Amino acid sequence: MVGKYKVITLCGSTRFKDEFLEVQKQLTLEGNIVISVGLFGHADGEFGNAITPEIKVMLDDIHKRKIDMSDEIYVINKTGYIGESTKSEIEYAIKAEKIINYLENHNA
């Protein structure tokens, strides 16, 4: 918490840009501090161009630091999809004892 505000980091595939923006808006209007991704590599077609394998490793690490700063994570799992990076973030959040919420019902 920062003051009276819960801090929530959004996790999920960057192909779901519209869902990220909608959830960010919703959670913000509910009175939360929302931390999101820095860019939408899949949705914006940046993988293979601007995003090298080394940059991808850095971005994954940065996102885990965002989780460190958060009270909880919110997983954007549209159509139930959870990719490898997101799975890694969920596992990291579990180890860090963070609360985990999902866009769609999820059976762990």
C-alpha atoms as a PDB file:
ATOM      1  CA  MET A   1       0.000   0.000   0.000  1.00  0.00           C
ATOM      2  CA  VAL A   2       1.072   3.501  -0.698  1.00  0.00           C
ATOM      3  CA  GLY A   3      -0.930   5.641   1.664  1.00  0.00           C
ATOM      4  CA  LYS A   4      -4.435   4.266   1.367  1.00  0.00           C
ATOM      5  CA  TYR A   5      -3.910   2.962  -2.160  1.00  0.00           C
ATOM      6  CA  LYS A   6      -3.239  -0.656  -3.085  1.00  0.00           C
ATOM      7  CA  VAL A   7      -0.511  -1.163  -5.715  1.00  0.00           C
ATOM      8  CA  ILE A   8      -1.371  -3.666  -8.456  1.00  0.00           C
ATOM      9  CA  THR A   9       0.898  -4.849 -11.269  1.00  0.00           C
ATOM     10  CA  LEU A  10      -0.741  -6.076 -14.449  1.00  0.00           C
ATOM     11  CA  CYS A  11       0.686  -9.277 -15.940  1.00  0.00           C
ATOM     12  CA  GLY A  12      -0.171 -11.094 -19.140  1.00  0.00           C
ATOM     13  CA  SER A  13       0.598 -11.390 -22.812  1.00  0.00           C
ATOM     14  CA  THR A  14       1.235  -8.065 -24.494  1.00  0.00           C
ATOM     15  CA  ARG A  15      -0.958  -9.258 -27.378  1.00  0.00           C
ATOM     16  CA  PHE A  16      -3.914  -8.240 -25.149  1.00  0.00           C
ATOM     17  CA  LYS A  17      -3.252  -4.491 -25.324  1.00  0.00           C
ATOM     18  CA  ASP A  18      -6.931  -3.477 -25.309  1.00  0.00           C
ATOM     19  CA  GLU A  19      -7.614  -5.600 -22.239  1.00  0.00           C
ATOM     20  CA  PHE A  20      -4.564  -4.166 -20.430  1.00  0.00           C
ATOM     21  CA  LEU A  21      -5.783  -0.624 -21.066  1.00  0.00           C
ATOM     22  CA  GLU A  22      -9.351  -1.422 -19.987  1.00  0.00           C
ATOM     23  CA  VAL A  23      -8.274  -3.172 -16.762  1.00  0.00           C
ATOM     24  CA  GLN A  24      -5.792  -0.384 -15.995  1.00  0.00           C
ATOM     25  CA  LYS A  25      -8.599   2.164 -16.309  1.00  0.00           C
ATOM     26  CA  GLN A  26     -11.034   0.086 -14.232  1.00  0.00           C
ATOM     27  CA  LEU A  27      -8.573  -0.580 -11.394  1.00  0.00           C
ATOM     28  CA  THR A  28      -7.450   3.053 -11.348  1.00  0.00           C
ATOM     29  CA  LEU A  29     -11.045   4.283 -11.073  1.00  0.00           C
ATOM     30  CA  GLU A  30     -11.497   1.846  -8.170  1.00  0.00           C
ATOM     31  CA  GLY A  31      -8.726   3.721  -6.325  1.00  0.00           C
ATOM     32  CA  ASN A  32      -5.645   1.597  -6.999  1.00  0.00           C
ATOM     33  CA  ILE A  33      -2.155   2.480  -8.159  1.00  0.00           C
ATOM     34  CA  VAL A  34      -1.682   0.406 -11.309  1.00  0.00           C
ATOM     35  CA  ILE A  35       1.687  -0.605 -12.740  1.00  0.00           C
ATOM     36  CA  SER A  36       1.568  -1.955 -16.274  1.00  0.00           C
ATOM     37  CA  VAL A  37       3.926  -3.107 -18.995  1.00  0.00           C
ATOM     38  CA  GLY A  38       6.279  -0.578 -20.559  1.00  0.00           C
ATOM     39  CA  LEU A  39       5.349  -1.552 -24.118  1.00  0.00           C
ATOM     40  CA  PHE A  40       3.154  -3.956 -26.033  1.00  0.00           C
ATOM     41  CA  GLY A  41       5.714  -5.974 -27.970  1.00  0.00           C
ATOM     42  CA  HIS A  42       3.270  -8.511 -29.381  1.00  0.00           C
ATOM     43  CA  ALA A  43       0.361  -6.170 -30.124  1.00  0.00           C
ATOM     44  CA  ASP A  44       2.627  -3.539 -31.662  1.00  0.00           C
ATOM     45  CA  GLY A  45       4.732  -6.053 -33.608  1.00  0.00           C
ATOM     46  CA  GLU A  46       8.036  -5.089 -31.974  1.00  0.00           C
ATOM     47  CA  PHE A  47       9.404  -8.609 -31.368  1.00  0.00           C
ATOM     48  CA  GLY A  48      12.132  -9.422 -33.867  1.00  0.00           C
ATOM     49  CA  ASN A  49      12.724  -5.725 -34.567  1.00  0.00           C
ATOM     50  CA  ALA A  50      13.338  -3.546 -31.518  1.00  0.00           C
ATOM     51  CA  ILE A  51      13.105  -6.354 -28.961  1.00  0.00           C
ATOM     52  CA  THR A  52      16.153  -8.592 -29.067  1.00  0.00           C
ATOM     53  CA  PRO A  53      16.468 -11.696 -26.861  1.00  0.00           C
ATOM     54  CA  GLU A  54      18.685  -9.666 -24.489  1.00  0.00           C
ATOM     55  CA  ILE A  55      16.108  -6.896 -24.209  1.00  0.00           C
ATOM     56  CA  LYS A  56      13.368  -9.497 -23.596  1.00  0.00           C
ATOM     57  CA  VAL A  57      15.368 -10.869 -20.632  1.00  0.00           C
ATOM     58  CA  MET A  58      15.751  -7.318 -19.288  1.00  0.00           C
ATOM     59  CA  LEU A  59      12.031  -6.563 -19.707  1.00  0.00           C
ATOM     60  CA  ASP A  60      11.088  -9.774 -17.881  1.00  0.00           C
ATOM     61  CA  ASP A  61      13.413  -8.820 -15.011  1.00  0.00           C
ATOM     62  CA  ILE A  62      12.034  -5.273 -14.855  1.00  0.00           C
ATOM     63  CA  HIS A  63       8.517  -6.687 -14.627  1.00  0.00           C
ATOM     64  CA  LYS A  64       9.526  -8.823 -11.646  1.00  0.00           C
ATOM     65  CA  ARG A  65      10.858  -5.678  -9.946  1.00  0.00           C
ATOM     66  CA  LYS A  66       7.421  -4.124 -10.542  1.00  0.00           C
ATOM     67  CA  ILE A  67       5.886  -7.145  -8.807  1.00  0.00           C
ATOM     68  CA  ASP A  68       8.283  -6.540  -5.893  1.00  0.00           C
ATOM     69  CA  MET A  69       6.775  -3.052  -5.492  1.00  0.00           C
ATOM     70  CA  SER A  70       3.192  -4.329  -5.601  1.00  0.00           C
ATOM     71  CA  ASP A  71       0.669  -5.623  -3.126  1.00  0.00           C
ATOM     72  CA  GLU A  72      -0.814  -7.903  -5.746  1.00  0.00           C
ATOM     73  CA  ILE A  73      -0.828  -8.830  -9.406  1.00  0.00           C
ATOM     74  CA  TYR A  74      -3.719  -8.908 -11.832  1.00  0.00           C
ATOM     75  CA  VAL A  75      -3.332 -11.428 -14.645  1.00  0.00           C
ATOM     76  CA  ILE A  76      -4.797 -10.568 -18.040  1.00  0.00           C
ATOM     77  CA  ASN A  77      -5.635 -14.130 -19.136  1.00  0.00           C
ATOM     78  CA  LYS A  78      -7.999 -13.498 -22.036  1.00  0.00           C
ATOM     79  CA  THR A  79      -9.489 -16.759 -23.350  1.00  0.00           C
ATOM     80  CA  GLY A  80      -7.560 -18.481 -20.552  1.00  0.00           C
ATOM     81  CA  TYR A  81      -4.215 -17.793 -22.233  1.00  0.00           C
ATOM     82  CA  ILE A  82      -1.160 -17.619 -19.958  1.00  0.00           C
ATOM     83  CA  GLY A  83       2.207 -17.679 -21.749  1.00  0.00           C
ATOM     84  CA  GLU A  84       5.598 -18.679 -20.392  1.00  0.00           C
ATOM     85  CA  SER A  85       6.624 -15.181 -19.232  1.00  0.00           C
ATOM     86  CA  THR A  86       3.327 -14.725 -17.430  1.00  0.00           C
ATOM     87  CA  LYS A  87       3.616 -18.170 -15.825  1.00  0.00           C
ATOM     88  CA  SER A  88       7.035 -17.129 -14.559  1.00  0.00           C
ATOM     89  CA  GLU A  89       5.591 -13.889 -13.145  1.00  0.00           C
ATOM     90  CA  ILE A  90       2.769 -15.778 -11.403  1.00  0.00           C
ATOM     91  CA  GLU A  91       5.274 -18.209  -9.853  1.00  0.00           C
ATOM     92  CA  TYR A  92       7.399 -15.246  -8.744  1.00  0.00           C
ATOM     93  CA  ALA A  93       4.352 -13.550  -7.193  1.00  0.00           C
ATOM     94  CA  ILE A  94       3.394 -16.736  -5.361  1.00  0.00           C
ATOM     95  CA  LYS A  95       6.898 -17.022  -3.865  1.00  0.00           C
ATOM     96  CA  ALA A  96       6.714 -13.363  -2.859  1.00  0.00           C
ATOM     97  CA  GLU A  97       3.331 -14.043  -1.216  1.00  0.00           C
ATOM     98  CA  LYS A  98       1.467 -11.542  -3.391  1.00  0.00           C
ATOM     99  CA  ILE A  99      -2.285 -11.686  -3.945  1.00  0.00           C
ATOM    100  CA  ILE A 100      -3.135 -12.898  -7.450  1.00  0.00           C
ATOM    101  CA  ASN A 101      -6.312 -11.990  -9.313  1.00  0.00           C
ATOM    102  CA  TYR A 102      -7.313 -12.933 -12.846  1.00  0.00           C
ATOM    103  CA  LEU A 103      -9.342 -11.295 -15.595  1.00  0.00           C
ATOM    104  CA  GLU A 104     -11.060 -14.608 -16.319  1.00  0.00           C
ATOM    105  CA  ASN A 105     -11.729 -17.530 -14.001  1.00  0.00           C
ATOM    106  CA  HIS A 106      -8.565 -19.528 -13.447  1.00  0.00           C
ATOM    107  CA  ASN A 107      -8.062 -22.923 -11.884  1.00  0.00           C
ATOM    108  CA  ALA A 108      -4.497 -23.137 -10.604  1.00  0.00           C
END
